[in-house]
Amino acid sequence: MGKIDLPSDIFGLEMNNDLVRQVVSAYLANKRKVIAHTKDRGEVSGGGKKPWRQKGTGRARHGSIRSPLWKGGGVTFGPTKERNFSKKINKKVKRKALFMSLSSKVRDKEIVLIDKIELDEVKTKKMLGIINNLKEKIGKDLKKGVLIVQPGSDRNISLSSRNIQKTKVIRADNLNLLEVLSYKYLLILSPEETIKLIEKKYEI
């Protein structure tokens, strides 16, 4: 491990909680799946025939058993799958919120920079050992939650980490606000290369 200068455009911004909250809300809304759905009178089965004649029965007039007034009929103003919860958010606002969260991690000393992690095989036990060794060296318990950011795709690291609780591996070009806020620590591998990829993606 050595020293590296972090670009202030990414890691030196002041926090704006309202802006970050707005972007998080948009992320969650766009991930939301519409599950609840009720059938209206055009979707329920049956009711092709008038239940009884219009006059002469002494009963109220009805044209179809699909009516919301009938048991088993359609539902009026119920939830449907056509609802759209998605929210649009400005690209620059999304980028700024991400950089604010990264800056906050730096101020709280929750970012760890490591040159590389070498695994010659897929082994959860070895990856867990690396995380435990880091706790002894840097004094931070990564078991509290760590997002490992790598410049490319390392299959051994990804597969060795997937069964470790509160641990996730992500590529630098897939980094997003929701992932950063979901984990206490950010472990950046090959920091110079990783930061260059972030700068390239967001055109810094």
N, C-alpha and C. Protein backbone atom coordinates (compact mmCIF):
# COMPACT_ATOMS: atom_id res chain seq x y z
N MET A 1 0.83 -1.19 0.00
CA MET A 1 0.00 0.00 0.00
C MET A 1 0.87 1.25 0.00
N GLY A 2 0.45 2.28 -0.77
CA GLY A 2 1.17 3.54 -0.79
C GLY A 2 0.21 4.69 -0.67
N LYS A 3 0.60 5.84 -1.20
CA LYS A 3 -0.26 7.01 -1.14
C LYS A 3 -0.77 7.34 -2.53
N ILE A 4 -1.97 7.87 -2.56
CA ILE A 4 -2.58 8.25 -3.84
C ILE A 4 -3.41 9.50 -3.61
N ASP A 5 -3.34 10.41 -4.56
CA ASP A 5 -4.15 11.63 -4.49
C ASP A 5 -5.52 11.36 -5.11
N LEU A 6 -6.56 11.54 -4.31
CA LEU A 6 -7.91 11.32 -4.81
C LEU A 6 -8.43 12.60 -5.46
N PRO A 7 -8.98 12.51 -6.67
CA PRO A 7 -9.49 13.71 -7.35
C PRO A 7 -10.62 14.37 -6.57
N SER A 8 -10.50 15.68 -6.37
CA SER A 8 -11.48 16.41 -5.57
C SER A 8 -12.85 16.46 -6.25
N ASP A 9 -12.89 16.32 -7.58
CA ASP A 9 -14.16 16.33 -8.29
C ASP A 9 -15.04 15.14 -7.92
N ILE A 10 -14.39 14.07 -7.44
CA ILE A 10 -15.13 12.86 -7.08
C ILE A 10 -15.18 12.67 -5.56
N PHE A 11 -14.06 12.93 -4.90
CA PHE A 11 -13.95 12.61 -3.47
C PHE A 11 -13.86 13.84 -2.56
N GLY A 12 -14.15 15.02 -3.11
CA GLY A 12 -14.01 16.22 -2.30
C GLY A 12 -15.23 17.11 -2.27
N LEU A 13 -16.42 16.54 -2.46
CA LEU A 13 -17.65 17.33 -2.49
C LEU A 13 -18.32 17.38 -1.13
N GLU A 14 -19.03 18.48 -0.89
CA GLU A 14 -19.83 18.60 0.33
C GLU A 14 -21.13 17.81 0.17
N MET A 15 -21.62 17.28 1.28
CA MET A 15 -22.83 16.47 1.24
C MET A 15 -24.08 17.35 1.16
N ASN A 16 -25.00 16.95 0.29
CA ASN A 16 -26.33 17.57 0.21
C ASN A 16 -27.34 16.45 0.41
N ASN A 17 -27.83 16.33 1.64
CA ASN A 17 -28.70 15.21 1.99
C ASN A 17 -29.99 15.17 1.17
N ASP A 18 -30.53 16.34 0.87
CA ASP A 18 -31.79 16.39 0.11
C ASP A 18 -31.59 15.84 -1.30
N LEU A 19 -30.47 16.19 -1.92
CA LEU A 19 -30.19 15.72 -3.27
C LEU A 19 -29.97 14.21 -3.28
N VAL A 20 -29.21 13.73 -2.32
CA VAL A 20 -28.95 12.29 -2.22
C VAL A 20 -30.24 11.53 -1.98
N ARG A 21 -31.08 12.06 -1.10
CA ARG A 21 -32.36 11.41 -0.80
C ARG A 21 -33.23 11.34 -2.05
N GLN A 22 -33.20 12.39 -2.85
CA GLN A 22 -33.98 12.43 -4.08
C GLN A 22 -33.54 11.34 -5.06
N VAL A 23 -32.24 11.15 -5.18
CA VAL A 23 -31.71 10.14 -6.11
C VAL A 23 -32.00 8.73 -5.59
N VAL A 24 -31.84 8.52 -4.28
CA VAL A 24 -32.14 7.21 -3.69
C VAL A 24 -33.61 6.86 -3.91
N SER A 25 -34.48 7.85 -3.71
CA SER A 25 -35.92 7.64 -3.93
C SER A 25 -36.20 7.22 -5.36
N ALA A 26 -35.49 7.84 -6.32
CA ALA A 26 -35.68 7.48 -7.74
C ALA A 26 -35.19 6.07 -8.02
N TYR A 27 -34.03 5.70 -7.45
CA TYR A 27 -33.50 4.35 -7.63
C TYR A 27 -34.51 3.31 -7.12
N LEU A 28 -35.04 3.53 -5.92
CA LEU A 28 -35.96 2.57 -5.32
C LEU A 28 -37.26 2.50 -6.10
N ALA A 29 -37.74 3.65 -6.58
CA ALA A 29 -38.97 3.67 -7.35
C ALA A 29 -38.80 2.91 -8.67
N ASN A 30 -37.64 3.05 -9.30
CA ASN A 30 -37.40 2.39 -10.58
C ASN A 30 -37.19 0.88 -10.42
N LYS A 31 -36.82 0.46 -9.22
CA LYS A 31 -36.66 -0.98 -8.96
C LYS A 31 -37.98 -1.63 -8.54
N ARG A 32 -38.97 -0.81 -8.23
CA ARG A 32 -40.23 -1.33 -7.70
C ARG A 32 -41.00 -2.11 -8.75
N LYS A 33 -41.49 -3.26 -8.35
CA LYS A 33 -42.29 -4.10 -9.25
C LYS A 33 -43.76 -3.99 -8.88
N VAL A 34 -44.59 -3.85 -9.89
CA VAL A 34 -46.04 -3.76 -9.66
C VAL A 34 -46.59 -5.18 -9.52
N ILE A 35 -47.08 -5.49 -8.33
CA ILE A 35 -47.59 -6.84 -8.05
C ILE A 35 -49.11 -6.84 -7.90
N ALA A 36 -49.63 -5.92 -7.09
CA ALA A 36 -51.07 -5.89 -6.82
C ALA A 36 -51.85 -5.57 -8.10
N HIS A 37 -52.85 -6.39 -8.39
CA HIS A 37 -53.67 -6.16 -9.59
C HIS A 37 -55.06 -6.72 -9.34
N THR A 38 -56.07 -5.89 -9.55
CA THR A 38 -57.45 -6.34 -9.43
C THR A 38 -58.12 -6.27 -10.81
N LYS A 39 -59.07 -7.14 -11.03
CA LYS A 39 -59.76 -7.19 -12.33
C LYS A 39 -60.96 -6.26 -12.33
N ASP A 40 -61.09 -5.51 -13.41
CA ASP A 40 -62.30 -4.70 -13.54
C ASP A 40 -63.39 -5.53 -14.23
N ARG A 41 -64.52 -4.92 -14.50
CA ARG A 41 -65.66 -5.71 -15.00
C ARG A 41 -65.39 -6.28 -16.40
N GLY A 42 -64.41 -5.75 -17.08
CA GLY A 42 -64.09 -6.28 -18.40
C GLY A 42 -63.15 -7.47 -18.36
N GLU A 43 -62.60 -7.77 -17.18
CA GLU A 43 -61.62 -8.86 -17.07
C GLU A 43 -62.16 -10.09 -16.35
N VAL A 44 -63.21 -9.94 -15.53
CA VAL A 44 -63.74 -11.10 -14.81
C VAL A 44 -64.51 -12.00 -15.77
N SER A 45 -64.61 -13.26 -15.41
CA SER A 45 -65.28 -14.23 -16.29
C SER A 45 -66.79 -14.19 -16.10
N GLY A 46 -67.50 -14.70 -17.11
CA GLY A 46 -68.96 -14.80 -17.02
C GLY A 46 -69.64 -13.49 -17.39
N GLY A 47 -70.95 -13.49 -17.24
CA GLY A 47 -71.70 -12.25 -17.42
C GLY A 47 -72.00 -11.89 -18.85
N GLY A 48 -71.94 -12.86 -19.74
CA GLY A 48 -72.23 -12.54 -21.14
C GLY A 48 -73.72 -12.35 -21.40
N LYS A 49 -74.52 -12.80 -20.47
CA LYS A 49 -75.97 -12.74 -20.66
C LYS A 49 -76.61 -11.95 -19.52
N LYS A 50 -77.65 -11.22 -19.83
CA LYS A 50 -78.39 -10.48 -18.81
C LYS A 50 -78.99 -11.49 -17.83
N PRO A 51 -78.76 -11.31 -16.49
CA PRO A 51 -79.17 -12.34 -15.53
C PRO A 51 -80.69 -12.62 -15.50
N TRP A 52 -81.52 -11.63 -15.73
CA TRP A 52 -82.97 -11.81 -15.87
C TRP A 52 -83.54 -10.64 -16.68
N ARG A 53 -84.79 -10.82 -17.07
CA ARG A 53 -85.36 -9.79 -17.94
C ARG A 53 -85.50 -8.46 -17.20
N GLN A 54 -85.62 -7.40 -17.99
CA GLN A 54 -85.59 -6.06 -17.44
C GLN A 54 -86.76 -5.79 -16.50
N LYS A 55 -87.97 -6.25 -16.89
CA LYS A 55 -89.17 -5.92 -16.11
C LYS A 55 -89.95 -7.18 -15.75
N GLY A 56 -90.78 -7.03 -14.74
CA GLY A 56 -91.72 -8.08 -14.42
C GLY A 56 -91.27 -9.07 -13.36
N THR A 57 -90.03 -8.99 -12.89
CA THR A 57 -89.54 -9.96 -11.90
C THR A 57 -89.66 -9.43 -10.47
N GLY A 58 -89.81 -8.12 -10.34
CA GLY A 58 -89.84 -7.54 -9.00
C GLY A 58 -88.46 -7.30 -8.42
N ARG A 59 -87.44 -7.66 -9.18
CA ARG A 59 -86.07 -7.45 -8.70
C ARG A 59 -85.43 -6.25 -9.41
N ALA A 60 -84.32 -5.80 -8.85
CA ALA A 60 -83.63 -4.65 -9.44
C ALA A 60 -83.11 -5.00 -10.83
N ARG A 61 -82.94 -3.95 -11.64
CA ARG A 61 -82.48 -4.15 -13.01
C ARG A 61 -80.96 -4.40 -13.01
N HIS A 62 -80.53 -5.45 -13.70
CA HIS A 62 -79.09 -5.73 -13.84
C HIS A 62 -78.81 -6.17 -15.27
N GLY A 63 -77.66 -5.73 -15.76
CA GLY A 63 -77.29 -6.10 -17.12
C GLY A 63 -76.23 -7.17 -17.18
N SER A 64 -75.45 -7.33 -16.09
CA SER A 64 -74.37 -8.32 -16.11
C SER A 64 -73.94 -8.65 -14.69
N ILE A 65 -73.56 -9.90 -14.48
CA ILE A 65 -73.05 -10.29 -13.16
C ILE A 65 -71.59 -9.86 -12.99
N ARG A 66 -71.02 -9.26 -14.03
CA ARG A 66 -69.66 -8.71 -13.92
C ARG A 66 -69.65 -7.36 -13.19
N SER A 67 -70.81 -6.83 -12.95
CA SER A 67 -70.91 -5.52 -12.30
C SER A 67 -70.24 -5.54 -10.92
N PRO A 68 -69.58 -4.46 -10.52
CA PRO A 68 -68.96 -4.39 -9.19
C PRO A 68 -69.95 -4.58 -8.05
N LEU A 69 -71.25 -4.45 -8.35
CA LEU A 69 -72.27 -4.64 -7.31
C LEU A 69 -72.46 -6.11 -6.95
N TRP A 70 -72.02 -6.99 -7.81
CA TRP A 70 -72.21 -8.43 -7.61
C TRP A 70 -70.97 -9.05 -6.97
N LYS A 71 -71.21 -10.08 -6.17
CA LYS A 71 -70.10 -10.87 -5.63
C LYS A 71 -69.39 -11.58 -6.78
N GLY A 72 -68.07 -11.44 -6.84
CA GLY A 72 -67.32 -12.03 -7.94
C GLY A 72 -67.24 -11.12 -9.15
N GLY A 73 -67.83 -9.94 -9.06
CA GLY A 73 -67.79 -9.00 -10.17
C GLY A 73 -66.48 -8.21 -10.18
N GLY A 74 -66.40 -7.29 -11.10
CA GLY A 74 -65.18 -6.49 -11.21
C GLY A 74 -65.00 -5.55 -10.03
N VAL A 75 -63.77 -5.08 -9.85
CA VAL A 75 -63.44 -4.15 -8.76
C VAL A 75 -63.33 -2.74 -9.33
N THR A 76 -63.96 -1.81 -8.63
CA THR A 76 -63.92 -0.42 -9.07
C THR A 76 -62.71 0.31 -8.47
N PHE A 77 -61.92 0.95 -9.30
CA PHE A 77 -60.77 1.75 -8.86
C PHE A 77 -59.75 0.95 -8.04
N GLY A 78 -59.60 -0.33 -8.33
CA GLY A 78 -58.60 -1.14 -7.63
C GLY A 78 -57.22 -0.96 -8.25
N PRO A 79 -56.18 -1.46 -7.58
CA PRO A 79 -54.82 -1.36 -8.14
C PRO A 79 -54.67 -2.23 -9.38
N THR A 80 -53.92 -1.75 -10.37
CA THR A 80 -53.72 -2.51 -11.60
C THR A 80 -52.24 -2.53 -11.98
N LYS A 81 -51.88 -3.45 -12.85
CA LYS A 81 -50.49 -3.59 -13.28
C LYS A 81 -50.04 -2.46 -14.19
N GLU A 82 -50.98 -1.66 -14.64
CA GLU A 82 -50.63 -0.56 -15.53
C GLU A 82 -49.98 0.62 -14.80
N ARG A 83 -49.97 0.58 -13.46
CA ARG A 83 -49.38 1.69 -12.70
C ARG A 83 -47.87 1.78 -12.98
N ASN A 84 -47.39 2.99 -13.01
CA ASN A 84 -45.98 3.24 -13.29
C ASN A 84 -45.38 4.07 -12.15
N PHE A 85 -44.45 3.46 -11.40
CA PHE A 85 -43.85 4.15 -10.26
C PHE A 85 -42.49 4.78 -10.60
N SER A 86 -42.04 4.59 -11.83
CA SER A 86 -40.70 5.03 -12.18
C SER A 86 -40.57 6.55 -12.11
N LYS A 87 -39.36 6.98 -11.78
CA LYS A 87 -39.07 8.41 -11.70
C LYS A 87 -37.86 8.73 -12.57
N LYS A 88 -37.96 9.81 -13.30
CA LYS A 88 -36.83 10.25 -14.10
C LYS A 88 -35.97 11.19 -13.28
N ILE A 89 -34.67 11.04 -13.45
CA ILE A 89 -33.76 11.91 -12.71
C ILE A 89 -32.62 12.33 -13.61
N ASN A 90 -32.22 13.58 -13.48
CA ASN A 90 -31.18 14.14 -14.31
C ASN A 90 -29.87 13.37 -14.17
N LYS A 91 -29.20 13.12 -15.29
CA LYS A 91 -27.94 12.36 -15.28
C LYS A 91 -26.87 13.04 -14.43
N LYS A 92 -26.79 14.36 -14.52
CA LYS A 92 -25.80 15.10 -13.74
C LYS A 92 -26.10 15.06 -12.25
N VAL A 93 -27.38 15.08 -11.91
CA VAL A 93 -27.78 14.99 -10.49
C VAL A 93 -27.42 13.63 -9.93
N LYS A 94 -27.67 12.59 -10.72
CA LYS A 94 -27.34 11.22 -10.29
C LYS A 94 -25.83 11.08 -10.05
N ARG A 95 -25.04 11.65 -10.96
CA ARG A 95 -23.58 11.60 -10.83
C ARG A 95 -23.11 12.37 -9.60
N LYS A 96 -23.67 13.54 -9.39
CA LYS A 96 -23.27 14.37 -8.25
C LYS A 96 -23.60 13.68 -6.93
N ALA A 97 -24.76 13.03 -6.85
CA ALA A 97 -25.15 12.33 -5.63
C ALA A 97 -24.18 11.19 -5.33
N LEU A 98 -23.75 10.47 -6.39
CA LEU A 98 -22.78 9.39 -6.20
C LEU A 98 -21.46 9.94 -5.67
N PHE A 99 -20.97 11.02 -6.26
CA PHE A 99 -19.70 11.61 -5.83
C PHE A 99 -19.79 12.16 -4.41
N MET A 100 -20.96 12.68 -4.04
CA MET A 100 -21.15 13.17 -2.67
C MET A 100 -21.05 12.02 -1.67
N SER A 101 -21.62 10.87 -2.02
CA SER A 101 -21.56 9.72 -1.12
C SER A 101 -20.14 9.19 -1.02
N LEU A 102 -19.38 9.22 -2.11
CA LEU A 102 -17.98 8.80 -2.08
C LEU A 102 -17.15 9.78 -1.23
N SER A 103 -17.44 11.06 -1.36
CA SER A 103 -16.75 12.08 -0.56
C SER A 103 -17.03 11.89 0.92
N SER A 104 -18.28 11.52 1.23
CA SER A 104 -18.66 11.28 2.62
C SER A 104 -17.90 10.08 3.19
N LYS A 105 -17.71 9.06 2.36
CA LYS A 105 -16.96 7.88 2.79
C LYS A 105 -15.50 8.26 3.12
N VAL A 106 -14.93 9.15 2.31
CA VAL A 106 -13.55 9.59 2.56
C VAL A 106 -13.47 10.33 3.89
N ARG A 107 -14.41 11.25 4.12
CA ARG A 107 -14.39 12.03 5.37
C ARG A 107 -14.57 11.15 6.59
N ASP A 108 -15.38 10.10 6.44
CA ASP A 108 -15.64 9.19 7.57
C ASP A 108 -14.61 8.07 7.65
N LYS A 109 -13.59 8.13 6.79
CA LYS A 109 -12.52 7.13 6.75
C LYS A 109 -13.08 5.72 6.55
N GLU A 110 -14.00 5.62 5.60
CA GLU A 110 -14.64 4.33 5.31
C GLU A 110 -14.26 3.81 3.92
N ILE A 111 -13.21 4.39 3.34
CA ILE A 111 -12.69 3.90 2.05
C ILE A 111 -11.31 3.30 2.28
N VAL A 112 -11.13 2.10 1.76
CA VAL A 112 -9.84 1.39 1.88
C VAL A 112 -9.31 1.15 0.47
N LEU A 113 -8.07 1.55 0.23
CA LEU A 113 -7.44 1.37 -1.08
C LEU A 113 -6.41 0.25 -1.02
N ILE A 114 -6.52 -0.70 -1.92
CA ILE A 114 -5.60 -1.84 -1.96
C ILE A 114 -5.12 -2.05 -3.39
N ASP A 115 -3.83 -2.29 -3.54
CA ASP A 115 -3.25 -2.49 -4.87
C ASP A 115 -3.92 -3.65 -5.60
N LYS A 116 -4.01 -4.80 -4.95
CA LYS A 116 -4.65 -5.95 -5.60
C LYS A 116 -4.90 -7.06 -4.58
N ILE A 117 -5.80 -7.93 -4.94
CA ILE A 117 -6.06 -9.16 -4.19
C ILE A 117 -5.86 -10.31 -5.17
N GLU A 118 -5.01 -11.24 -4.81
CA GLU A 118 -4.73 -12.37 -5.69
C GLU A 118 -5.32 -13.65 -5.12
N LEU A 119 -6.18 -14.28 -5.88
CA LEU A 119 -6.76 -15.58 -5.52
C LEU A 119 -6.54 -16.51 -6.70
N ASP A 120 -5.84 -17.62 -6.46
CA ASP A 120 -5.58 -18.55 -7.55
C ASP A 120 -6.70 -19.57 -7.74
N GLU A 121 -7.71 -19.50 -6.85
CA GLU A 121 -8.86 -20.40 -6.97
C GLU A 121 -10.06 -19.77 -6.31
N VAL A 122 -11.24 -20.32 -6.59
CA VAL A 122 -12.46 -19.84 -5.94
C VAL A 122 -12.56 -20.48 -4.57
N LYS A 123 -12.35 -19.69 -3.53
CA LYS A 123 -12.34 -20.22 -2.17
C LYS A 123 -12.85 -19.15 -1.21
N THR A 124 -14.05 -19.36 -0.69
CA THR A 124 -14.64 -18.40 0.24
C THR A 124 -13.78 -18.24 1.48
N LYS A 125 -13.22 -19.34 1.96
CA LYS A 125 -12.42 -19.31 3.18
C LYS A 125 -11.19 -18.40 3.02
N LYS A 126 -10.57 -18.44 1.84
CA LYS A 126 -9.40 -17.60 1.59
C LYS A 126 -9.79 -16.12 1.54
N MET A 127 -10.92 -15.84 0.90
CA MET A 127 -11.38 -14.46 0.82
C MET A 127 -11.73 -13.92 2.20
N LEU A 128 -12.34 -14.77 3.00
CA LEU A 128 -12.68 -14.37 4.38
C LEU A 128 -11.42 -14.11 5.19
N GLY A 129 -10.38 -14.92 4.93
CA GLY A 129 -9.11 -14.72 5.61
C GLY A 129 -8.48 -13.39 5.24
N ILE A 130 -8.59 -12.99 3.97
CA ILE A 130 -8.06 -11.71 3.51
C ILE A 130 -8.78 -10.56 4.22
N ILE A 131 -10.10 -10.68 4.33
CA ILE A 131 -10.89 -9.64 5.01
C ILE A 131 -10.50 -9.54 6.48
N ASN A 132 -10.27 -10.68 7.12
CA ASN A 132 -9.86 -10.69 8.53
C ASN A 132 -8.47 -10.09 8.71
N ASN A 133 -7.57 -10.37 7.75
CA ASN A 133 -6.21 -9.81 7.83
C ASN A 133 -6.23 -8.29 7.68
N LEU A 134 -7.13 -7.80 6.85
CA LEU A 134 -7.24 -6.36 6.67
C LEU A 134 -7.70 -5.68 7.96
N LYS A 135 -8.53 -6.36 8.71
CA LYS A 135 -8.99 -5.81 10.00
C LYS A 135 -7.80 -5.58 10.92
N GLU A 136 -6.87 -6.54 10.93
CA GLU A 136 -5.69 -6.42 11.80
C GLU A 136 -4.74 -5.33 11.31
N LYS A 137 -4.62 -5.17 9.98
CA LYS A 137 -3.66 -4.21 9.42
C LYS A 137 -4.16 -2.77 9.46
N ILE A 138 -5.43 -2.57 9.14
CA ILE A 138 -5.94 -1.20 9.03
C ILE A 138 -6.90 -0.82 10.16
N GLY A 139 -7.22 -1.80 10.99
CA GLY A 139 -8.07 -1.51 12.14
C GLY A 139 -9.53 -1.28 11.80
N LYS A 140 -9.98 -1.79 10.68
CA LYS A 140 -11.39 -1.63 10.30
C LYS A 140 -12.03 -3.00 10.10
N ASP A 141 -13.16 -3.20 10.75
CA ASP A 141 -13.85 -4.48 10.65
C ASP A 141 -14.74 -4.49 9.42
N LEU A 142 -14.22 -5.06 8.33
CA LEU A 142 -14.95 -5.08 7.06
C LEU A 142 -16.16 -5.99 7.09
N LYS A 143 -16.28 -6.81 8.15
CA LYS A 143 -17.45 -7.68 8.27
C LYS A 143 -18.73 -6.88 8.53
N LYS A 144 -18.57 -5.60 8.88
CA LYS A 144 -19.73 -4.75 9.10
C LYS A 144 -20.41 -4.40 7.78
N GLY A 145 -19.77 -4.73 6.70
CA GLY A 145 -20.33 -4.46 5.37
C GLY A 145 -19.28 -3.85 4.48
N VAL A 146 -18.96 -4.52 3.37
CA VAL A 146 -17.92 -4.00 2.47
C VAL A 146 -18.33 -4.19 1.02
N LEU A 147 -18.19 -3.12 0.25
CA LEU A 147 -18.42 -3.17 -1.19
C LEU A 147 -17.05 -3.13 -1.86
N ILE A 148 -16.71 -4.22 -2.54
CA ILE A 148 -15.41 -4.32 -3.20
C ILE A 148 -15.54 -3.83 -4.63
N VAL A 149 -14.81 -2.77 -4.95
CA VAL A 149 -14.87 -2.17 -6.28
C VAL A 149 -13.60 -2.53 -7.04
N GLN A 150 -13.76 -3.18 -8.18
CA GLN A 150 -12.60 -3.59 -8.97
C GLN A 150 -12.70 -3.04 -10.38
N PRO A 151 -11.57 -2.80 -11.04
CA PRO A 151 -11.60 -2.19 -12.37
C PRO A 151 -12.19 -3.11 -13.44
N GLY A 152 -12.01 -4.39 -13.30
CA GLY A 152 -12.53 -5.35 -14.28
C GLY A 152 -13.28 -6.46 -13.58
N SER A 153 -13.43 -7.57 -14.26
CA SER A 153 -14.12 -8.72 -13.69
C SER A 153 -13.12 -9.80 -13.30
N ASP A 154 -12.97 -10.02 -12.01
CA ASP A 154 -12.12 -11.10 -11.52
C ASP A 154 -13.03 -12.19 -10.99
N ARG A 155 -13.12 -13.27 -11.74
CA ARG A 155 -14.07 -14.35 -11.41
C ARG A 155 -13.79 -14.94 -10.03
N ASN A 156 -12.52 -15.15 -9.70
CA ASN A 156 -12.19 -15.77 -8.41
C ASN A 156 -12.62 -14.90 -7.24
N ILE A 157 -12.39 -13.59 -7.35
CA ILE A 157 -12.79 -12.68 -6.27
C ILE A 157 -14.31 -12.61 -6.15
N SER A 158 -14.98 -12.51 -7.29
CA SER A 158 -16.44 -12.40 -7.28
C SER A 158 -17.11 -13.64 -6.68
N LEU A 159 -16.68 -14.83 -7.13
CA LEU A 159 -17.29 -16.06 -6.64
C LEU A 159 -16.89 -16.38 -5.21
N SER A 160 -15.69 -15.97 -4.81
CA SER A 160 -15.24 -16.24 -3.44
C SER A 160 -15.91 -15.33 -2.43
N SER A 161 -16.49 -14.23 -2.91
CA SER A 161 -17.10 -13.25 -2.00
C SER A 161 -18.61 -13.39 -1.89
N ARG A 162 -19.22 -14.12 -2.81
CA ARG A 162 -20.69 -14.09 -2.89
C ARG A 162 -21.39 -14.74 -1.70
N ASN A 163 -20.70 -15.64 -0.99
CA ASN A 163 -21.33 -16.28 0.17
C ASN A 163 -20.90 -15.65 1.49
N ILE A 164 -20.18 -14.54 1.43
CA ILE A 164 -19.78 -13.83 2.65
C ILE A 164 -20.82 -12.77 2.94
N GLN A 165 -21.36 -12.78 4.14
CA GLN A 165 -22.42 -11.85 4.52
C GLN A 165 -21.93 -10.40 4.42
N LYS A 166 -22.83 -9.53 4.01
CA LYS A 166 -22.57 -8.08 3.92
C LYS A 166 -21.35 -7.76 3.04
N THR A 167 -21.13 -8.58 2.02
CA THR A 167 -20.00 -8.36 1.11
C THR A 167 -20.49 -8.48 -0.33
N LYS A 168 -20.08 -7.54 -1.15
CA LYS A 168 -20.47 -7.58 -2.56
C LYS A 168 -19.32 -7.05 -3.41
N VAL A 169 -19.17 -7.63 -4.60
CA VAL A 169 -18.14 -7.20 -5.54
C VAL A 169 -18.83 -6.53 -6.73
N ILE A 170 -18.28 -5.39 -7.16
CA ILE A 170 -18.89 -4.65 -8.26
C ILE A 170 -17.79 -4.05 -9.13
N ARG A 171 -18.05 -3.95 -10.41
CA ARG A 171 -17.11 -3.29 -11.33
C ARG A 171 -17.20 -1.78 -11.15
N ALA A 172 -16.09 -1.10 -11.40
CA ALA A 172 -16.05 0.35 -11.23
C ALA A 172 -17.05 1.06 -12.13
N ASP A 173 -17.26 0.54 -13.34
CA ASP A 173 -18.18 1.21 -14.26
C ASP A 173 -19.64 0.90 -13.95
N ASN A 174 -19.89 0.06 -12.95
CA ASN A 174 -21.27 -0.21 -12.51
C ASN A 174 -21.57 0.42 -11.15
N LEU A 175 -20.62 1.18 -10.63
CA LEU A 175 -20.78 1.78 -9.31
C LEU A 175 -21.97 2.73 -9.30
N ASN A 176 -22.82 2.62 -8.27
CA ASN A 176 -23.98 3.52 -8.18
C ASN A 176 -24.24 3.90 -6.73
N LEU A 177 -25.03 4.92 -6.56
CA LEU A 177 -25.29 5.50 -5.23
C LEU A 177 -25.89 4.49 -4.26
N LEU A 178 -26.85 3.71 -4.72
CA LEU A 178 -27.55 2.77 -3.84
C LEU A 178 -26.60 1.74 -3.27
N GLU A 179 -25.68 1.24 -4.09
CA GLU A 179 -24.71 0.25 -3.62
C GLU A 179 -23.74 0.87 -2.60
N VAL A 180 -23.29 2.09 -2.89
CA VAL A 180 -22.34 2.75 -1.99
C VAL A 180 -22.95 2.97 -0.60
N LEU A 181 -24.22 3.37 -0.57
CA LEU A 181 -24.88 3.65 0.71
C LEU A 181 -25.30 2.38 1.45
N SER A 182 -25.33 1.25 0.74
CA SER A 182 -25.79 0.00 1.36
C SER A 182 -24.70 -0.70 2.16
N TYR A 183 -23.45 -0.26 1.99
CA TYR A 183 -22.33 -0.92 2.68
C TYR A 183 -21.52 0.12 3.44
N LYS A 184 -21.06 -0.26 4.62
CA LYS A 184 -20.32 0.69 5.47
C LYS A 184 -18.97 1.06 4.86
N TYR A 185 -18.24 0.06 4.37
CA TYR A 185 -16.89 0.32 3.84
C TYR A 185 -16.84 0.10 2.34
N LEU A 186 -15.94 0.85 1.71
CA LEU A 186 -15.69 0.73 0.28
C LEU A 186 -14.25 0.27 0.11
N LEU A 187 -14.06 -0.91 -0.45
CA LEU A 187 -12.72 -1.46 -0.68
C LEU A 187 -12.40 -1.34 -2.16
N ILE A 188 -11.50 -0.42 -2.51
CA ILE A 188 -11.18 -0.15 -3.91
C ILE A 188 -9.88 -0.86 -4.29
N LEU A 189 -9.99 -1.78 -5.24
CA LEU A 189 -8.82 -2.50 -5.73
C LEU A 189 -8.21 -1.74 -6.92
N SER A 190 -6.87 -1.84 -7.04
CA SER A 190 -6.16 -1.12 -8.11
C SER A 190 -6.71 0.31 -8.23
N PRO A 191 -6.55 1.11 -7.19
CA PRO A 191 -7.23 2.42 -7.12
C PRO A 191 -6.98 3.34 -8.30
N GLU A 192 -5.76 3.41 -8.81
CA GLU A 192 -5.49 4.32 -9.93
C GLU A 192 -6.31 3.94 -11.16
N GLU A 193 -6.33 2.64 -11.47
CA GLU A 193 -7.08 2.16 -12.62
C GLU A 193 -8.58 2.31 -12.40
N THR A 194 -9.01 1.99 -11.19
CA THR A 194 -10.44 2.07 -10.87
C THR A 194 -10.95 3.51 -10.95
N ILE A 195 -10.19 4.44 -10.40
CA ILE A 195 -10.60 5.85 -10.43
C ILE A 195 -10.62 6.38 -11.86
N LYS A 196 -9.67 5.95 -12.68
CA LYS A 196 -9.65 6.37 -14.09
C LYS A 196 -10.91 5.89 -14.81
N LEU A 197 -11.36 4.67 -14.49
CA LEU A 197 -12.57 4.14 -15.11
C LEU A 197 -13.80 4.95 -14.69
N ILE A 198 -13.85 5.33 -13.41
CA ILE A 198 -14.95 6.16 -12.92
C ILE A 198 -14.95 7.51 -13.62
N GLU A 199 -13.76 8.10 -13.76
CA GLU A 199 -13.64 9.39 -14.43
C GLU A 199 -14.05 9.28 -15.90
N LYS A 200 -13.67 8.17 -16.53
CA LYS A 200 -14.00 7.98 -17.94
C LYS A 200 -15.50 7.81 -18.13
N LYS A 201 -16.14 7.03 -17.25
CA LYS A 201 -17.57 6.80 -17.38
C LYS A 201 -18.37 8.09 -17.19
N TYR A 202 -17.97 8.87 -16.20
CA TYR A 202 -18.71 10.08 -15.89
C TYR A 202 -18.11 11.33 -16.53
N GLU A 203 -17.16 11.11 -17.44
CA GLU A 203 -16.59 12.19 -18.24
C GLU A 203 -16.05 13.34 -17.37
N ILE A 204 -15.25 12.97 -16.39
CA ILE A 204 -14.65 13.99 -15.50
C ILE A 204 -13.39 14.56 -16.15
